[in-house]
Amino acid sequence: MAALTPIRALVTGTTKTMDSAAALGDTAPNPNGNLILEVANGSGGSITVTITAVQTTRPAEGPYPKQTVADIAVSVGAGATKLIGPIPTAFNDANGNIAISYSGTTSVTVKAIQP
């Protein structure tokens, strides 16, 4: 499992280089609950990117009722790029990181973006 280092978008511009998706999955810090992932699938087949929910329920808050939280599973087609997020803190582990897994990693790249 590899730890992704998020980039921040700046008004003056940010250089973005993609990281190879790790076969055993990746982690990324999500301290503010607004991390965005960019996943590019350069392979010949569709893949699924999964972000594991750590908290399976979110408590009621203000006018919002208690809510069940499921894993995020996003299909990324062959040759496609998708943005996933923002990812709420219900997906953070005890260290404030999210866990990301991929159904395939050949020719798959990822970048964590912290707004």
N, C-alpha and C. Protein backbone atom coordinates (compact mmCIF):
# COMPACT_ATOMS: atom_id res chain seq x y z
N MET A 1 0.86 -1.17 0.00
CA MET A 1 0.00 0.00 0.00
C MET A 1 0.90 1.23 0.00
N ALA A 2 0.60 2.15 -0.90
CA ALA A 2 1.40 3.36 -1.01
C ALA A 2 0.62 4.56 -0.46
N ALA A 3 1.34 5.51 0.13
CA ALA A 3 0.73 6.72 0.65
C ALA A 3 0.83 7.82 -0.41
N LEU A 4 -0.31 8.31 -0.86
CA LEU A 4 -0.34 9.39 -1.85
C LEU A 4 -0.14 10.73 -1.13
N THR A 5 0.58 11.63 -1.76
CA THR A 5 0.76 12.99 -1.24
C THR A 5 -0.12 13.91 -2.06
N PRO A 6 -1.16 14.50 -1.43
CA PRO A 6 -2.05 15.38 -2.19
C PRO A 6 -1.35 16.65 -2.67
N ILE A 7 -1.82 17.16 -3.80
CA ILE A 7 -1.38 18.47 -4.27
C ILE A 7 -2.47 19.48 -3.95
N ARG A 8 -2.10 20.72 -3.91
CA ARG A 8 -3.07 21.81 -3.71
C ARG A 8 -3.12 22.63 -4.99
N ALA A 9 -4.33 22.92 -5.42
CA ALA A 9 -4.50 23.78 -6.59
C ALA A 9 -4.26 25.23 -6.15
N LEU A 10 -3.42 25.93 -6.87
CA LEU A 10 -3.10 27.31 -6.55
C LEU A 10 -3.53 28.23 -7.69
N VAL A 11 -3.88 29.46 -7.37
CA VAL A 11 -4.29 30.41 -8.38
C VAL A 11 -3.15 30.70 -9.36
N THR A 12 -1.92 30.50 -8.92
CA THR A 12 -0.76 30.71 -9.78
C THR A 12 -0.41 29.48 -10.60
N GLY A 13 -1.15 28.40 -10.39
CA GLY A 13 -0.93 27.17 -11.14
C GLY A 13 -0.21 26.12 -10.32
N THR A 14 -0.53 24.87 -10.57
CA THR A 14 0.09 23.74 -9.89
C THR A 14 0.47 22.71 -10.93
N THR A 15 1.70 22.21 -10.85
CA THR A 15 2.12 21.14 -11.74
C THR A 15 1.63 19.82 -11.17
N LYS A 16 0.97 19.04 -12.00
CA LYS A 16 0.40 17.78 -11.54
C LYS A 16 1.09 16.63 -12.24
N THR A 17 1.62 15.70 -11.45
CA THR A 17 2.14 14.45 -12.00
C THR A 17 1.35 13.34 -11.34
N MET A 18 0.94 12.39 -12.13
CA MET A 18 0.13 11.28 -11.62
C MET A 18 1.05 10.22 -11.00
N ASP A 19 0.50 9.49 -10.02
CA ASP A 19 1.20 8.38 -9.37
C ASP A 19 0.63 7.07 -9.90
N SER A 20 1.46 6.05 -10.00
CA SER A 20 0.96 4.73 -10.39
C SER A 20 0.11 4.16 -9.26
N ALA A 21 -1.03 3.59 -9.60
CA ALA A 21 -1.89 2.95 -8.61
C ALA A 21 -1.17 1.71 -8.07
N ALA A 22 -1.13 1.56 -6.76
CA ALA A 22 -0.44 0.43 -6.13
C ALA A 22 -1.33 -0.80 -6.15
N ALA A 23 -0.74 -1.94 -6.47
CA ALA A 23 -1.49 -3.19 -6.57
C ALA A 23 -2.22 -3.53 -5.27
N LEU A 24 -1.64 -3.19 -4.13
CA LEU A 24 -2.28 -3.48 -2.84
C LEU A 24 -3.13 -2.32 -2.34
N GLY A 25 -3.28 -1.28 -3.17
CA GLY A 25 -4.10 -0.13 -2.80
C GLY A 25 -3.25 1.03 -2.34
N ASP A 26 -3.90 2.15 -2.12
CA ASP A 26 -3.24 3.37 -1.69
C ASP A 26 -3.97 3.97 -0.50
N THR A 27 -3.31 4.89 0.18
CA THR A 27 -3.93 5.70 1.22
C THR A 27 -3.67 7.16 0.88
N ALA A 28 -4.49 8.04 1.44
CA ALA A 28 -4.29 9.48 1.24
C ALA A 28 -4.88 10.22 2.43
N PRO A 29 -4.20 11.27 2.90
CA PRO A 29 -4.75 12.05 4.01
C PRO A 29 -5.98 12.84 3.58
N ASN A 30 -6.96 12.89 4.49
CA ASN A 30 -8.22 13.58 4.20
C ASN A 30 -8.66 14.37 5.44
N PRO A 31 -7.82 15.28 5.94
CA PRO A 31 -8.11 15.93 7.21
C PRO A 31 -9.37 16.79 7.22
N ASN A 32 -9.74 17.35 6.09
CA ASN A 32 -10.89 18.26 6.05
C ASN A 32 -12.14 17.65 5.44
N GLY A 33 -12.07 16.38 5.05
CA GLY A 33 -13.24 15.74 4.46
C GLY A 33 -13.60 16.29 3.10
N ASN A 34 -12.59 16.73 2.34
CA ASN A 34 -12.88 17.28 1.01
C ASN A 34 -11.87 16.83 -0.05
N LEU A 35 -11.15 15.75 0.22
CA LEU A 35 -10.17 15.24 -0.73
C LEU A 35 -10.85 14.81 -2.03
N ILE A 36 -10.18 15.04 -3.15
CA ILE A 36 -10.67 14.62 -4.46
C ILE A 36 -9.61 13.73 -5.08
N LEU A 37 -10.02 12.62 -5.68
CA LEU A 37 -9.10 11.74 -6.39
C LEU A 37 -9.33 11.88 -7.88
N GLU A 38 -8.25 11.92 -8.63
CA GLU A 38 -8.32 11.85 -10.08
C GLU A 38 -7.72 10.51 -10.47
N VAL A 39 -8.51 9.68 -11.15
CA VAL A 39 -8.05 8.35 -11.55
C VAL A 39 -8.11 8.25 -13.06
N ALA A 40 -6.98 7.89 -13.67
CA ALA A 40 -6.89 7.73 -15.12
C ALA A 40 -6.63 6.26 -15.42
N ASN A 41 -7.49 5.68 -16.25
CA ASN A 41 -7.40 4.27 -16.59
C ASN A 41 -6.89 4.15 -18.03
N GLY A 42 -5.61 3.84 -18.17
CA GLY A 42 -5.03 3.68 -19.50
C GLY A 42 -5.09 2.26 -20.00
N SER A 43 -5.76 1.38 -19.26
CA SER A 43 -5.82 -0.03 -19.66
C SER A 43 -6.93 -0.25 -20.69
N GLY A 44 -7.01 -1.47 -21.18
CA GLY A 44 -7.99 -1.81 -22.20
C GLY A 44 -9.34 -2.23 -21.65
N GLY A 45 -9.49 -2.28 -20.32
CA GLY A 45 -10.76 -2.68 -19.72
C GLY A 45 -11.15 -1.76 -18.59
N SER A 46 -12.41 -1.81 -18.22
CA SER A 46 -12.94 -0.99 -17.14
C SER A 46 -12.39 -1.49 -15.80
N ILE A 47 -12.19 -0.57 -14.86
CA ILE A 47 -11.79 -0.92 -13.49
C ILE A 47 -12.77 -0.30 -12.51
N THR A 48 -12.74 -0.78 -11.27
CA THR A 48 -13.53 -0.18 -10.21
C THR A 48 -12.59 0.33 -9.13
N VAL A 49 -12.79 1.58 -8.74
CA VAL A 49 -12.04 2.19 -7.65
C VAL A 49 -12.96 2.19 -6.43
N THR A 50 -12.46 1.67 -5.31
CA THR A 50 -13.28 1.59 -4.10
C THR A 50 -12.61 2.35 -2.97
N ILE A 51 -13.39 3.20 -2.29
CA ILE A 51 -12.93 3.89 -1.09
C ILE A 51 -13.76 3.30 0.05
N THR A 52 -13.06 2.74 1.02
CA THR A 52 -13.71 2.01 2.10
C THR A 52 -14.26 2.94 3.16
N ALA A 53 -15.53 2.75 3.50
CA ALA A 53 -16.16 3.53 4.58
C ALA A 53 -15.70 2.97 5.92
N VAL A 54 -15.19 3.82 6.78
CA VAL A 54 -14.76 3.40 8.11
C VAL A 54 -15.94 3.48 9.07
N GLN A 55 -16.67 4.58 9.02
CA GLN A 55 -17.88 4.73 9.81
C GLN A 55 -19.04 4.25 8.95
N THR A 56 -19.75 3.24 9.41
CA THR A 56 -20.85 2.72 8.59
C THR A 56 -22.15 3.48 8.81
N THR A 57 -22.20 4.33 9.82
CA THR A 57 -23.35 5.21 10.01
C THR A 57 -22.84 6.59 10.39
N ARG A 58 -23.57 7.59 9.92
CA ARG A 58 -23.28 8.97 10.28
C ARG A 58 -24.40 9.41 11.21
N PRO A 59 -24.06 10.00 12.37
CA PRO A 59 -25.12 10.40 13.30
C PRO A 59 -25.99 11.53 12.75
N ALA A 60 -27.18 11.64 13.31
CA ALA A 60 -28.06 12.74 12.94
C ALA A 60 -27.40 14.05 13.33
N GLU A 61 -27.58 15.07 12.50
CA GLU A 61 -27.00 16.38 12.77
C GLU A 61 -27.94 17.45 12.26
N GLY A 62 -28.39 18.30 13.18
CA GLY A 62 -29.32 19.37 12.79
C GLY A 62 -30.55 18.77 12.12
N PRO A 63 -30.91 19.26 10.93
CA PRO A 63 -32.10 18.75 10.25
C PRO A 63 -31.85 17.44 9.50
N TYR A 64 -30.60 16.95 9.51
CA TYR A 64 -30.26 15.75 8.75
C TYR A 64 -30.40 14.50 9.62
N PRO A 65 -31.10 13.48 9.14
CA PRO A 65 -31.28 12.26 9.93
C PRO A 65 -30.02 11.39 9.92
N LYS A 66 -30.01 10.39 10.80
CA LYS A 66 -28.93 9.40 10.81
C LYS A 66 -28.86 8.77 9.42
N GLN A 67 -27.66 8.46 8.97
CA GLN A 67 -27.49 7.99 7.60
C GLN A 67 -26.52 6.81 7.57
N THR A 68 -26.85 5.79 6.76
CA THR A 68 -25.95 4.67 6.54
C THR A 68 -24.91 5.08 5.51
N VAL A 69 -23.66 4.74 5.78
CA VAL A 69 -22.56 5.09 4.87
C VAL A 69 -22.03 3.81 4.25
N ALA A 70 -22.02 3.74 2.93
CA ALA A 70 -21.51 2.57 2.21
C ALA A 70 -20.19 2.93 1.54
N ASP A 71 -19.42 1.91 1.19
CA ASP A 71 -18.19 2.14 0.43
C ASP A 71 -18.53 2.91 -0.85
N ILE A 72 -17.60 3.71 -1.30
CA ILE A 72 -17.73 4.39 -2.59
C ILE A 72 -17.10 3.47 -3.63
N ALA A 73 -17.84 3.10 -4.65
CA ALA A 73 -17.31 2.27 -5.74
C ALA A 73 -17.61 2.98 -7.05
N VAL A 74 -16.56 3.33 -7.78
CA VAL A 74 -16.70 4.09 -9.02
C VAL A 74 -16.06 3.32 -10.16
N SER A 75 -16.81 3.13 -11.22
CA SER A 75 -16.29 2.47 -12.42
C SER A 75 -15.59 3.51 -13.29
N VAL A 76 -14.38 3.15 -13.73
CA VAL A 76 -13.62 4.02 -14.63
C VAL A 76 -13.37 3.21 -15.90
N GLY A 77 -13.98 3.63 -16.97
CA GLY A 77 -13.90 2.91 -18.24
C GLY A 77 -12.51 2.92 -18.84
N ALA A 78 -12.29 2.03 -19.78
CA ALA A 78 -11.01 1.95 -20.49
C ALA A 78 -10.71 3.28 -21.16
N GLY A 79 -9.51 3.82 -20.91
CA GLY A 79 -9.10 5.08 -21.51
C GLY A 79 -9.72 6.31 -20.89
N ALA A 80 -10.51 6.15 -19.82
CA ALA A 80 -11.21 7.28 -19.21
C ALA A 80 -10.47 7.81 -17.99
N THR A 81 -10.80 9.05 -17.63
CA THR A 81 -10.31 9.68 -16.41
C THR A 81 -11.51 10.19 -15.64
N LYS A 82 -11.55 9.92 -14.32
CA LYS A 82 -12.65 10.40 -13.49
C LYS A 82 -12.12 11.11 -12.26
N LEU A 83 -12.88 12.12 -11.83
CA LEU A 83 -12.66 12.76 -10.54
C LEU A 83 -13.64 12.15 -9.56
N ILE A 84 -13.16 11.80 -8.37
CA ILE A 84 -13.99 11.19 -7.33
C ILE A 84 -13.88 12.06 -6.08
N GLY A 85 -15.00 12.55 -5.59
CA GLY A 85 -14.98 13.34 -4.37
C GLY A 85 -15.87 14.55 -4.48
N PRO A 86 -15.86 15.38 -3.47
CA PRO A 86 -15.04 15.31 -2.28
C PRO A 86 -15.46 14.16 -1.37
N ILE A 87 -14.48 13.60 -0.67
CA ILE A 87 -14.68 12.41 0.15
C ILE A 87 -14.86 12.83 1.60
N PRO A 88 -16.03 12.56 2.21
CA PRO A 88 -16.29 12.98 3.59
C PRO A 88 -15.43 12.22 4.60
N THR A 89 -15.34 12.76 5.80
CA THR A 89 -14.51 12.17 6.85
C THR A 89 -15.02 10.82 7.34
N ALA A 90 -16.22 10.41 6.98
CA ALA A 90 -16.72 9.09 7.36
C ALA A 90 -15.86 7.98 6.76
N PHE A 91 -15.00 8.34 5.81
CA PHE A 91 -14.12 7.36 5.16
C PHE A 91 -12.71 7.38 5.75
N ASN A 92 -12.46 8.27 6.72
CA ASN A 92 -11.14 8.38 7.34
C ASN A 92 -10.92 7.31 8.39
N ASP A 93 -9.68 6.76 8.42
CA ASP A 93 -9.31 5.86 9.50
C ASP A 93 -8.88 6.70 10.71
N ALA A 94 -8.37 6.04 11.76
CA ALA A 94 -7.99 6.73 12.99
C ALA A 94 -6.88 7.75 12.76
N ASN A 95 -6.11 7.60 11.68
CA ASN A 95 -5.03 8.54 11.37
C ASN A 95 -5.45 9.62 10.39
N GLY A 96 -6.73 9.65 10.01
CA GLY A 96 -7.22 10.66 9.08
C GLY A 96 -6.97 10.35 7.62
N ASN A 97 -6.68 9.08 7.31
CA ASN A 97 -6.41 8.67 5.93
C ASN A 97 -7.57 7.86 5.36
N ILE A 98 -7.74 7.95 4.04
CA ILE A 98 -8.70 7.08 3.37
C ILE A 98 -7.94 5.90 2.75
N ALA A 99 -8.65 4.79 2.58
CA ALA A 99 -8.07 3.60 1.94
C ALA A 99 -8.71 3.46 0.56
N ILE A 100 -7.86 3.30 -0.45
CA ILE A 100 -8.31 3.22 -1.84
C ILE A 100 -7.84 1.88 -2.41
N SER A 101 -8.76 1.16 -3.05
CA SER A 101 -8.37 -0.08 -3.72
C SER A 101 -8.84 -0.03 -5.16
N TYR A 102 -8.19 -0.86 -5.99
CA TYR A 102 -8.46 -0.86 -7.43
C TYR A 102 -8.67 -2.30 -7.87
N SER A 103 -9.63 -2.53 -8.76
CA SER A 103 -9.85 -3.88 -9.27
C SER A 103 -8.76 -4.28 -10.26
N GLY A 104 -8.02 -3.31 -10.77
CA GLY A 104 -6.88 -3.54 -11.65
C GLY A 104 -5.97 -2.34 -11.58
N THR A 105 -4.67 -2.55 -11.75
CA THR A 105 -3.74 -1.42 -11.64
C THR A 105 -2.84 -1.24 -12.85
N THR A 106 -2.91 -2.15 -13.82
CA THR A 106 -2.08 -2.02 -15.01
C THR A 106 -2.49 -0.77 -15.78
N SER A 107 -1.56 0.14 -15.99
CA SER A 107 -1.79 1.40 -16.71
C SER A 107 -2.80 2.31 -16.02
N VAL A 108 -2.93 2.19 -14.69
CA VAL A 108 -3.84 3.04 -13.93
C VAL A 108 -3.00 4.01 -13.10
N THR A 109 -3.33 5.30 -13.19
CA THR A 109 -2.64 6.32 -12.40
C THR A 109 -3.65 7.09 -11.57
N VAL A 110 -3.16 7.69 -10.50
CA VAL A 110 -4.04 8.39 -9.56
C VAL A 110 -3.32 9.62 -9.03
N LYS A 111 -4.13 10.64 -8.66
CA LYS A 111 -3.59 11.81 -8.00
C LYS A 111 -4.60 12.26 -6.96
N ALA A 112 -4.11 12.54 -5.74
CA ALA A 112 -4.94 13.09 -4.67
C ALA A 112 -4.84 14.60 -4.74
N ILE A 113 -5.99 15.27 -4.67
CA ILE A 113 -6.05 16.72 -4.76
C ILE A 113 -6.74 17.25 -3.51
N GLN A 114 -6.07 18.13 -2.78
CA GLN A 114 -6.62 18.73 -1.58
C GLN A 114 -7.00 20.18 -1.88
N PRO A 115 -8.30 20.47 -1.99
CA PRO A 115 -8.70 21.85 -2.32
C PRO A 115 -8.30 22.83 -1.23
